[in-house]
Amino acid sequence: MADFAPIHPGEVLAEDFLPDYGLSQRKLAELIGVPPRRINEIVHGKRAITPDTSIRLGRLFGQSETFWLNLQQRYDVEVTRSRTDFSFIDPLASLR
């Protein structure tokens, strides 16, 4: 099975949503009432999706309030898993 790099929610936003809706980063920021810099940093993977941003994006794109937050959480877990060795932790069930 091939290993794939985790996909930041900003990449999803930039590749799948902005072009489909014909939006620039600046226009998106205007529509959801945030500074353009926030969107730019998200798109470039330098900023995480917060609950506030997730709610705003969800409302704009007609999704659940947690859609973008779930993408962020999945990304964070994948990044952490790839950088940290957890193999030394045994499930409690195996200790019985």
PDB file of N, CA and C in Angstrom:
ATOM      1  N   MET A   1       0.847  -1.186   0.000  1.00  0.00           N
ATOM      2  CA  MET A   1       0.000   0.000   0.000  1.00  0.00           C
ATOM      3  C   MET A   1       0.888   1.243   0.000  1.00  0.00           C
ATOM      4  N   ALA A   2       0.612   2.166  -0.868  1.00  0.00           N
ATOM      5  CA  ALA A   2       1.421   3.374  -0.992  1.00  0.00           C
ATOM      6  C   ALA A   2       1.124   4.343   0.145  1.00  0.00           C
ATOM      7  N   ASP A   3       2.183   5.016   0.587  1.00  0.00           N
ATOM      8  CA  ASP A   3       2.013   6.056   1.596  1.00  0.00           C
ATOM      9  C   ASP A   3       1.781   7.384   0.885  1.00  0.00           C
ATOM     10  N   PHE A   4       0.793   8.100   1.356  1.00  0.00           N
ATOM     11  CA  PHE A   4       0.486   9.402   0.790  1.00  0.00           C
ATOM     12  C   PHE A   4       0.701  10.463   1.853  1.00  0.00           C
ATOM     13  N   ALA A   5       1.153  11.627   1.417  1.00  0.00           N
ATOM     14  CA  ALA A   5       1.320  12.736   2.353  1.00  0.00           C
ATOM     15  C   ALA A   5      -0.061  13.190   2.817  1.00  0.00           C
ATOM     16  N   PRO A   6      -0.174  13.545   4.091  1.00  0.00           N
ATOM     17  CA  PRO A   6      -1.456  14.070   4.585  1.00  0.00           C
ATOM     18  C   PRO A   6      -1.864  15.311   3.781  1.00  0.00           C
ATOM     19  N   ILE A   7      -3.152  15.450   3.564  1.00  0.00           N
ATOM     20  CA  ILE A   7      -3.662  16.592   2.794  1.00  0.00           C
ATOM     21  C   ILE A   7      -4.233  17.631   3.752  1.00  0.00           C
ATOM     22  N   HIS A   8      -3.640  18.804   3.727  1.00  0.00           N
ATOM     23  CA  HIS A   8      -4.097  19.910   4.573  1.00  0.00           C
ATOM     24  C   HIS A   8      -5.441  20.419   4.039  1.00  0.00           C
ATOM     25  N   PRO A   9      -6.348  20.805   4.930  1.00  0.00           N
ATOM     26  CA  PRO A   9      -7.642  21.334   4.478  1.00  0.00           C
ATOM     27  C   PRO A   9      -7.504  22.532   3.541  1.00  0.00           C
ATOM     28  N   GLY A  10      -6.427  23.279   3.691  1.00  0.00           N
ATOM     29  CA  GLY A  10      -6.201  24.413   2.800  1.00  0.00           C
ATOM     30  C   GLY A  10      -6.012  23.990   1.356  1.00  0.00           C
ATOM     31  N   GLU A  11      -5.402  22.823   1.171  1.00  0.00           N
ATOM     32  CA  GLU A  11      -5.229  22.290  -0.180  1.00  0.00           C
ATOM     33  C   GLU A  11      -6.589  21.917  -0.778  1.00  0.00           C
ATOM     34  N   VAL A  12      -7.442  21.331   0.032  1.00  0.00           N
ATOM     35  CA  VAL A  12      -8.801  20.993  -0.411  1.00  0.00           C
ATOM     36  C   VAL A  12      -9.545  22.272  -0.793  1.00  0.00           C
ATOM     37  N   LEU A  13      -9.425  23.279   0.048  1.00  0.00           N
ATOM     38  CA  LEU A  13     -10.081  24.560  -0.214  1.00  0.00           C
ATOM     39  C   LEU A  13      -9.581  25.164  -1.527  1.00  0.00           C
ATOM     40  N   ALA A  14      -8.258  25.186  -1.696  1.00  0.00           N
ATOM     41  CA  ALA A  14      -7.656  25.818  -2.872  1.00  0.00           C
ATOM     42  C   ALA A  14      -7.924  25.060  -4.165  1.00  0.00           C
ATOM     43  N   GLU A  15      -7.920  23.732  -4.099  1.00  0.00           N
ATOM     44  CA  GLU A  15      -8.031  22.945  -5.327  1.00  0.00           C
ATOM     45  C   GLU A  15      -9.459  22.537  -5.676  1.00  0.00           C
ATOM     46  N   ASP A  16     -10.291  22.348  -4.672  1.00  0.00           N
ATOM     47  CA  ASP A  16     -11.629  21.820  -4.934  1.00  0.00           C
ATOM     48  C   ASP A  16     -12.757  22.835  -4.769  1.00  0.00           C
ATOM     49  N   PHE A  17     -12.555  23.855  -3.980  1.00  0.00           N
ATOM     50  CA  PHE A  17     -13.658  24.775  -3.704  1.00  0.00           C
ATOM     51  C   PHE A  17     -13.495  26.131  -4.378  1.00  0.00           C
ATOM     52  N   LEU A  18     -12.345  26.754  -4.224  1.00  0.00           N
ATOM     53  CA  LEU A  18     -12.179  28.086  -4.817  1.00  0.00           C
ATOM     54  C   LEU A  18     -12.401  28.064  -6.327  1.00  0.00           C
ATOM     55  N   PRO A  19     -11.768  27.141  -7.069  1.00  0.00           N
ATOM     56  CA  PRO A  19     -11.997  27.149  -8.518  1.00  0.00           C
ATOM     57  C   PRO A  19     -13.434  26.781  -8.903  1.00  0.00           C
ATOM     58  N   ASP A  20     -14.005  25.810  -8.192  1.00  0.00           N
ATOM     59  CA  ASP A  20     -15.372  25.377  -8.524  1.00  0.00           C
ATOM     60  C   ASP A  20     -16.390  26.504  -8.367  1.00  0.00           C
ATOM     61  N   TYR A  21     -16.139  27.379  -7.406  1.00  0.00           N
ATOM     62  CA  TYR A  21     -17.066  28.487  -7.159  1.00  0.00           C
ATOM     63  C   TYR A  21     -16.579  29.798  -7.777  1.00  0.00           C
ATOM     64  N   GLY A  22     -15.451  29.746  -8.467  1.00  0.00           N
ATOM     65  CA  GLY A  22     -14.913  30.944  -9.100  1.00  0.00           C
ATOM     66  C   GLY A  22     -14.517  32.016  -8.102  1.00  0.00           C
ATOM     67  N   LEU A  23     -13.991  31.578  -6.957  1.00  0.00           N
ATOM     68  CA  LEU A  23     -13.640  32.518  -5.890  1.00  0.00           C
ATOM     69  C   LEU A  23     -12.136  32.716  -5.784  1.00  0.00           C
ATOM     70  N   SER A  24     -11.749  33.946  -5.532  1.00  0.00           N
ATOM     71  CA  SER A  24     -10.367  34.230  -5.155  1.00  0.00           C
ATOM     72  C   SER A  24     -10.277  34.110  -3.635  1.00  0.00           C
ATOM     73  N   GLN A  25      -9.072  34.040  -3.135  1.00  0.00           N
ATOM     74  CA  GLN A  25      -8.893  34.008  -1.682  1.00  0.00           C
ATOM     75  C   GLN A  25      -9.494  35.261  -1.050  1.00  0.00           C
ATOM     76  N   ARG A  26      -9.265  36.385  -1.674  1.00  0.00           N
ATOM     77  CA  ARG A  26      -9.763  37.657  -1.139  1.00  0.00           C
ATOM     78  C   ARG A  26     -11.293  37.689  -1.107  1.00  0.00           C
ATOM     79  N   LYS A  27     -11.920  37.225  -2.171  1.00  0.00           N
ATOM     80  CA  LYS A  27     -13.385  37.218  -2.227  1.00  0.00           C
ATOM     81  C   LYS A  27     -13.951  36.263  -1.180  1.00  0.00           C
ATOM     82  N   LEU A  28     -13.326  35.104  -1.005  1.00  0.00           N
ATOM     83  CA  LEU A  28     -13.771  34.166   0.023  1.00  0.00           C
ATOM     84  C   LEU A  28     -13.691  34.821   1.393  1.00  0.00           C
ATOM     85  N   ALA A  29     -12.569  35.467   1.678  1.00  0.00           N
ATOM     86  CA  ALA A  29     -12.398  36.143   2.966  1.00  0.00           C
ATOM     87  C   ALA A  29     -13.504  37.179   3.180  1.00  0.00           C
ATOM     88  N   GLU A  30     -13.800  37.925   2.147  1.00  0.00           N
ATOM     89  CA  GLU A  30     -14.858  38.945   2.225  1.00  0.00           C
ATOM     90  C   GLU A  30     -16.218  38.297   2.515  1.00  0.00           C
ATOM     91  N   LEU A  31     -16.522  37.215   1.823  1.00  0.00           N
ATOM     92  CA  LEU A  31     -17.822  36.550   1.976  1.00  0.00           C
ATOM     93  C   LEU A  31     -18.042  35.962   3.366  1.00  0.00           C
ATOM     94  N   ILE A  32     -16.946  35.509   4.002  1.00  0.00           N
ATOM     95  CA  ILE A  32     -17.112  34.897   5.328  1.00  0.00           C
ATOM     96  C   ILE A  32     -16.672  35.820   6.466  1.00  0.00           C
ATOM     97  N   GLY A  33     -16.249  37.032   6.121  1.00  0.00           N
ATOM     98  CA  GLY A  33     -15.949  38.033   7.142  1.00  0.00           C
ATOM     99  C   GLY A  33     -14.682  37.800   7.937  1.00  0.00           C
ATOM    100  N   VAL A  34     -13.621  37.380   7.233  1.00  0.00           N
ATOM    101  CA  VAL A  34     -12.330  37.188   7.902  1.00  0.00           C
ATOM    102  C   VAL A  34     -11.255  37.938   7.127  1.00  0.00           C
ATOM    103  N   PRO A  35     -10.116  38.201   7.760  1.00  0.00           N
ATOM    104  CA  PRO A  35      -9.029  38.859   7.037  1.00  0.00           C
ATOM    105  C   PRO A  35      -8.505  37.964   5.905  1.00  0.00           C
ATOM    106  N   PRO A  36      -8.171  38.547   4.762  1.00  0.00           N
ATOM    107  CA  PRO A  36      -7.633  37.761   3.650  1.00  0.00           C
ATOM    108  C   PRO A  36      -6.398  36.944   4.042  1.00  0.00           C
ATOM    109  N   ARG A  37      -5.612  37.478   4.952  1.00  0.00           N
ATOM    110  CA  ARG A  37      -4.406  36.759   5.383  1.00  0.00           C
ATOM    111  C   ARG A  37      -4.757  35.391   5.977  1.00  0.00           C
ATOM    112  N   ARG A  38      -5.872  35.306   6.701  1.00  0.00           N
ATOM    113  CA  ARG A  38      -6.272  34.029   7.300  1.00  0.00           C
ATOM    114  C   ARG A  38      -6.472  32.983   6.204  1.00  0.00           C
ATOM    115  N   ILE A  39      -7.182  33.353   5.150  1.00  0.00           N
ATOM    116  CA  ILE A  39      -7.435  32.411   4.058  1.00  0.00           C
ATOM    117  C   ILE A  39      -6.132  32.044   3.368  1.00  0.00           C
ATOM    118  N   ASN A  40      -5.280  33.025   3.126  1.00  0.00           N
ATOM    119  CA  ASN A  40      -4.003  32.764   2.474  1.00  0.00           C
ATOM    120  C   ASN A  40      -3.158  31.785   3.282  1.00  0.00           C
ATOM    121  N   GLU A  41      -3.103  31.970   4.581  1.00  0.00           N
ATOM    122  CA  GLU A  41      -2.310  31.076   5.425  1.00  0.00           C
ATOM    123  C   GLU A  41      -2.908  29.671   5.466  1.00  0.00           C
ATOM    124  N   ILE A  42      -4.221  29.562   5.455  1.00  0.00           N
ATOM    125  CA  ILE A  42      -4.871  28.248   5.410  1.00  0.00           C
ATOM    126  C   ILE A  42      -4.548  27.563   4.083  1.00  0.00           C
ATOM    127  N   VAL A  43      -4.716  28.274   2.984  1.00  0.00           N
ATOM    128  CA  VAL A  43      -4.469  27.715   1.654  1.00  0.00           C
ATOM    129  C   VAL A  43      -3.028  27.221   1.515  1.00  0.00           C
ATOM    130  N   HIS A  44      -2.095  27.904   2.145  1.00  0.00           N
ATOM    131  CA  HIS A  44      -0.685  27.514   2.053  1.00  0.00           C
ATOM    132  C   HIS A  44      -0.251  26.568   3.174  1.00  0.00           C
ATOM    133  N   GLY A  45      -1.203  26.071   3.947  1.00  0.00           N
ATOM    134  CA  GLY A  45      -0.894  25.086   4.983  1.00  0.00           C
ATOM    135  C   GLY A  45      -0.147  25.641   6.173  1.00  0.00           C
ATOM    136  N   LYS A  46      -0.185  26.951   6.346  1.00  0.00           N
ATOM    137  CA  LYS A  46       0.530  27.595   7.449  1.00  0.00           C
ATOM    138  C   LYS A  46      -0.377  27.886   8.636  1.00  0.00           C
ATOM    139  N   ARG A  47      -1.660  27.639   8.469  1.00  0.00           N
ATOM    140  CA  ARG A  47      -2.625  27.917   9.529  1.00  0.00           C
ATOM    141  C   ARG A  47      -3.663  26.803   9.547  1.00  0.00           C
ATOM    142  N   ALA A  48      -4.058  26.427  10.738  1.00  0.00           N
ATOM    143  CA  ALA A  48      -5.063  25.376  10.896  1.00  0.00           C
ATOM    144  C   ALA A  48      -6.472  25.960  10.796  1.00  0.00           C
ATOM    145  N   ILE A  49      -7.405  25.098  10.462  1.00  0.00           N
ATOM    146  CA  ILE A  49      -8.823  25.461  10.487  1.00  0.00           C
ATOM    147  C   ILE A  49      -9.267  25.487  11.946  1.00  0.00           C
ATOM    148  N   THR A  50      -9.842  26.587  12.368  1.00  0.00           N
ATOM    149  CA  THR A  50     -10.366  26.713  13.728  1.00  0.00           C
ATOM    150  C   THR A  50     -11.870  26.445  13.704  1.00  0.00           C
ATOM    151  N   PRO A  51     -12.479  26.243  14.870  1.00  0.00           N
ATOM    152  CA  PRO A  51     -13.939  26.096  14.884  1.00  0.00           C
ATOM    153  C   PRO A  51     -14.647  27.289  14.225  1.00  0.00           C
ATOM    154  N   ASP A  52     -14.160  28.488  14.481  1.00  0.00           N
ATOM    155  CA  ASP A  52     -14.756  29.687  13.889  1.00  0.00           C
ATOM    156  C   ASP A  52     -14.725  29.623  12.363  1.00  0.00           C
ATOM    157  N   THR A  53     -13.567  29.300  11.817  1.00  0.00           N
ATOM    158  CA  THR A  53     -13.431  29.234  10.363  1.00  0.00           C
ATOM    159  C   THR A  53     -14.258  28.090   9.792  1.00  0.00           C
ATOM    160  N   SER A  54     -14.302  26.969  10.483  1.00  0.00           N
ATOM    161  CA  SER A  54     -15.089  25.821  10.031  1.00  0.00           C
ATOM    162  C   SER A  54     -16.574  26.173   9.918  1.00  0.00           C
ATOM    163  N   ILE A  55     -17.078  26.877  10.906  1.00  0.00           N
ATOM    164  CA  ILE A  55     -18.490  27.285  10.876  1.00  0.00           C
ATOM    165  C   ILE A  55     -18.744  28.229   9.703  1.00  0.00           C
ATOM    166  N   ARG A  56     -17.859  29.192   9.522  1.00  0.00           N
ATOM    167  CA  ARG A  56     -18.022  30.165   8.430  1.00  0.00           C
ATOM    168  C   ARG A  56     -17.990  29.482   7.059  1.00  0.00           C
ATOM    169  N   LEU A  57     -16.994  28.611   6.852  1.00  0.00           N
ATOM    170  CA  LEU A  57     -16.892  27.907   5.572  1.00  0.00           C
ATOM    171  C   LEU A  57     -18.078  26.968   5.365  1.00  0.00           C
ATOM    172  N   GLY A  58     -18.463  26.277   6.414  1.00  0.00           N
ATOM    173  CA  GLY A  58     -19.607  25.369   6.324  1.00  0.00           C
ATOM    174  C   GLY A  58     -20.882  26.087   5.919  1.00  0.00           C
ATOM    175  N   ARG A  59     -21.110  27.245   6.520  1.00  0.00           N
ATOM    176  CA  ARG A  59     -22.318  28.023   6.174  1.00  0.00           C
ATOM    177  C   ARG A  59     -22.267  28.475   4.714  1.00  0.00           C
ATOM    178  N   LEU A  60     -21.102  28.942   4.289  1.00  0.00           N
ATOM    179  CA  LEU A  60     -20.973  29.442   2.921  1.00  0.00           C
ATOM    180  C   LEU A  60     -21.184  28.336   1.889  1.00  0.00           C
ATOM    181  N   PHE A  61     -20.568  27.191   2.119  1.00  0.00           N
ATOM    182  CA  PHE A  61     -20.614  26.106   1.142  1.00  0.00           C
ATOM    183  C   PHE A  61     -21.742  25.107   1.388  1.00  0.00           C
ATOM    184  N   GLY A  62     -22.605  25.383   2.366  1.00  0.00           N
ATOM    185  CA  GLY A  62     -23.750  24.519   2.620  1.00  0.00           C
ATOM    186  C   GLY A  62     -23.386  23.174   3.225  1.00  0.00           C
ATOM    187  N   GLN A  63     -22.388  23.181   4.093  1.00  0.00           N
ATOM    188  CA  GLN A  63     -21.936  21.949   4.747  1.00  0.00           C
ATOM    189  C   GLN A  63     -22.215  22.034   6.240  1.00  0.00           C
ATOM    190  N   SER A  64     -21.910  20.944   6.928  1.00  0.00           N
ATOM    191  CA  SER A  64     -22.047  20.976   8.381  1.00  0.00           C
ATOM    192  C   SER A  64     -20.998  21.924   8.961  1.00  0.00           C
ATOM    193  N   GLU A  65     -21.257  22.377  10.159  1.00  0.00           N
ATOM    194  CA  GLU A  65     -20.322  23.289  10.829  1.00  0.00           C
ATOM    195  C   GLU A  65     -18.998  22.608  11.150  1.00  0.00           C
ATOM    196  N   THR A  66     -18.991  21.288  11.168  1.00  0.00           N
ATOM    197  CA  THR A  66     -17.775  20.557  11.537  1.00  0.00           C
ATOM    198  C   THR A  66     -17.030  19.967  10.341  1.00  0.00           C
ATOM    199  N   PHE A  67     -17.526  20.158   9.134  1.00  0.00           N
ATOM    200  CA  PHE A  67     -16.886  19.567   7.955  1.00  0.00           C
ATOM    201  C   PHE A  67     -15.402  19.918   7.883  1.00  0.00           C
ATOM    202  N   TRP A  68     -15.092  21.196   7.938  1.00  0.00           N
ATOM    203  CA  TRP A  68     -13.708  21.644   7.789  1.00  0.00           C
ATOM    204  C   TRP A  68     -12.873  21.298   9.014  1.00  0.00           C
ATOM    205  N   LEU A  69     -13.494  21.329  10.167  1.00  0.00           N
ATOM    206  CA  LEU A  69     -12.796  20.950  11.393  1.00  0.00           C
ATOM    207  C   LEU A  69     -12.430  19.466  11.359  1.00  0.00           C
ATOM    208  N   ASN A  70     -13.301  18.638  10.814  1.00  0.00           N
ATOM    209  CA  ASN A  70     -13.004  17.208  10.678  1.00  0.00           C
ATOM    210  C   ASN A  70     -11.835  16.974   9.725  1.00  0.00           C
ATOM    211  N   LEU A  71     -11.777  17.733   8.633  1.00  0.00           N
ATOM    212  CA  LEU A  71     -10.629  17.629   7.727  1.00  0.00           C
ATOM    213  C   LEU A  71      -9.340  17.996   8.455  1.00  0.00           C
ATOM    214  N   GLN A  72      -9.404  19.058   9.262  1.00  0.00           N
ATOM    215  CA  GLN A  72      -8.225  19.493  10.009  1.00  0.00           C
ATOM    216  C   GLN A  72      -7.798  18.431  11.013  1.00  0.00           C
ATOM    217  N   GLN A  73      -8.762  17.865  11.711  1.00  0.00           N
ATOM    218  CA  GLN A  73      -8.453  16.842  12.710  1.00  0.00           C
ATOM    219  C   GLN A  73      -7.816  15.616  12.052  1.00  0.00           C
ATOM    220  N   ARG A  74      -8.360  15.185  10.936  1.00  0.00           N
ATOM    221  CA  ARG A  74      -7.794  14.038  10.215  1.00  0.00           C
ATOM    222  C   ARG A  74      -6.356  14.341   9.795  1.00  0.00           C
ATOM    223  N   TYR A  75      -6.123  15.546   9.278  1.00  0.00           N
ATOM    224  CA  TYR A  75      -4.779  15.958   8.879  1.00  0.00           C
ATOM    225  C   TYR A  75      -3.835  15.937  10.074  1.00  0.00           C
ATOM    226  N   ASP A  76      -4.266  16.515  11.186  1.00  0.00           N
ATOM    227  CA  ASP A  76      -3.423  16.571  12.383  1.00  0.00           C
ATOM    228  C   ASP A  76      -3.060  15.179  12.884  1.00  0.00           C
ATOM    229  N   VAL A  77      -4.020  14.265  12.888  1.00  0.00           N
ATOM    230  CA  VAL A  77      -3.760  12.893  13.340  1.00  0.00           C
ATOM    231  C   VAL A  77      -2.766  12.206  12.403  1.00  0.00           C
ATOM    232  N   GLU A  78      -2.942  12.361  11.103  1.00  0.00           N
ATOM    233  CA  GLU A  78      -2.033  11.727  10.147  1.00  0.00           C
ATOM    234  C   GLU A  78      -0.616  12.268  10.282  1.00  0.00           C
ATOM    235  N   VAL A  79      -0.487  13.573  10.455  1.00  0.00           N
ATOM    236  CA  VAL A  79       0.838  14.176  10.624  1.00  0.00           C
ATOM    237  C   VAL A  79       1.485  13.669  11.907  1.00  0.00           C
ATOM    238  N   THR A  80       0.737  13.654  12.988  1.00  0.00           N
ATOM    239  CA  THR A  80       1.273  13.187  14.268  1.00  0.00           C
ATOM    240  C   THR A  80       1.682  11.724  14.176  1.00  0.00           C
ATOM    241  N   ARG A  81       0.850  10.903  13.571  1.00  0.00           N
ATOM    242  CA  ARG A  81       1.153   9.475  13.430  1.00  0.00           C
ATOM    243  C   ARG A  81       2.434   9.270  12.623  1.00  0.00           C
ATOM    244  N   SER A  82       2.653  10.082  11.609  1.00  0.00           N
ATOM    245  CA  SER A  82       3.840   9.917  10.771  1.00  0.00           C
ATOM    246  C   SER A  82       5.116  10.407  11.452  1.00  0.00           C
ATOM    247  N   ARG A  83       4.983  11.253  12.454  1.00  0.00           N
ATOM    248  CA  ARG A  83       6.161  11.834  13.118  1.00  0.00           C
ATOM    249  C   ARG A  83       6.495  11.200  14.464  1.00  0.00           C
ATOM    250  N   THR A  84       5.592  10.397  14.993  1.00  0.00           N
ATOM    251  CA  THR A  84       5.757   9.869  16.345  1.00  0.00           C
ATOM    252  C   THR A  84       5.602   8.357  16.340  1.00  0.00           C
ATOM    253  N   ASP A  85       6.468   7.680  17.093  1.00  0.00           N
ATOM    254  CA  ASP A  85       6.375   6.228  17.227  1.00  0.00           C
ATOM    255  C   ASP A  85       5.498   5.895  18.426  1.00  0.00           C
ATOM    256  N   PHE A  86       4.368   5.292  18.157  1.00  0.00           N
ATOM    257  CA  PHE A  86       3.446   4.893  19.215  1.00  0.00           C
ATOM    258  C   PHE A  86       3.467   3.386  19.446  1.00  0.00           C
ATOM    259  N   SER A  87       4.377   2.685  18.778  1.00  0.00           N
ATOM    260  CA  SER A  87       4.374   1.224  18.830  1.00  0.00           C
ATOM    261  C   SER A  87       4.653   0.661  20.221  1.00  0.00           C
ATOM    262  N   PHE A  88       5.255   1.435  21.092  1.00  0.00           N
ATOM    263  CA  PHE A  88       5.570   0.950  22.437  1.00  0.00           C
ATOM    264  C   PHE A  88       4.339   0.903  23.349  1.00  0.00           C
ATOM    265  N   ILE A  89       3.241   1.477  22.914  1.00  0.00           N
ATOM    266  CA  ILE A  89       2.025   1.514  23.729  1.00  0.00           C
ATOM    267  C   ILE A  89       1.184   0.283  23.418  1.00  0.00           C
ATOM    268  N   ASP A  90       0.976  -0.531  24.430  1.00  0.00           N
ATOM    269  CA  ASP A  90       0.152  -1.728  24.280  1.00  0.00           C
ATOM    270  C   ASP A  90      -1.259  -1.440  24.777  1.00  0.00           C
ATOM    271  N   PRO A  91      -2.265  -1.896  24.039  1.00  0.00           N
ATOM    272  CA  PRO A  91      -3.641  -1.732  24.508  1.00  0.00           C
ATOM    273  C   PRO A  91      -3.832  -2.430  25.851  1.00  0.00           C
ATOM    274  N   LEU A  92      -4.606  -1.839  26.738  1.00  0.00           N
ATOM    275  CA  LEU A  92      -4.844  -2.428  28.057  1.00  0.00           C
ATOM    276  C   LEU A  92      -5.408  -3.834  27.959  1.00  0.00           C
ATOM    277  N   ALA A  93      -6.215  -4.103  26.957  1.00  0.00           N
ATOM    278  CA  ALA A  93      -6.816  -5.435  26.805  1.00  0.00           C
ATOM    279  C   ALA A  93      -5.750  -6.515  26.674  1.00  0.00           C
ATOM    280  N   SER A  94      -4.596  -6.181  26.088  1.00  0.00           N
ATOM    281  CA  SER A  94      -3.541  -7.181  25.916  1.00  0.00           C
ATOM    282  C   SER A  94      -2.756  -7.417  27.198  1.00  0.00           C
ATOM    283  N   LEU A  95      -2.961  -6.587  28.203  1.00  0.00           N
ATOM    284  CA  LEU A  95      -2.236  -6.729  29.470  1.00  0.00           C
ATOM    285  C   LEU A  95      -2.962  -7.618  30.462  1.00  0.00           C
ATOM    286  N   ARG A  96      -4.160  -8.020  30.177  1.00  0.00           N
ATOM    287  CA  ARG A  96      -4.945  -8.852  31.099  1.00  0.00           C
ATOM    288  C   ARG A  96      -4.462 -10.261  31.122  1.00  0.00           C
TER     289      ARG A  96
END
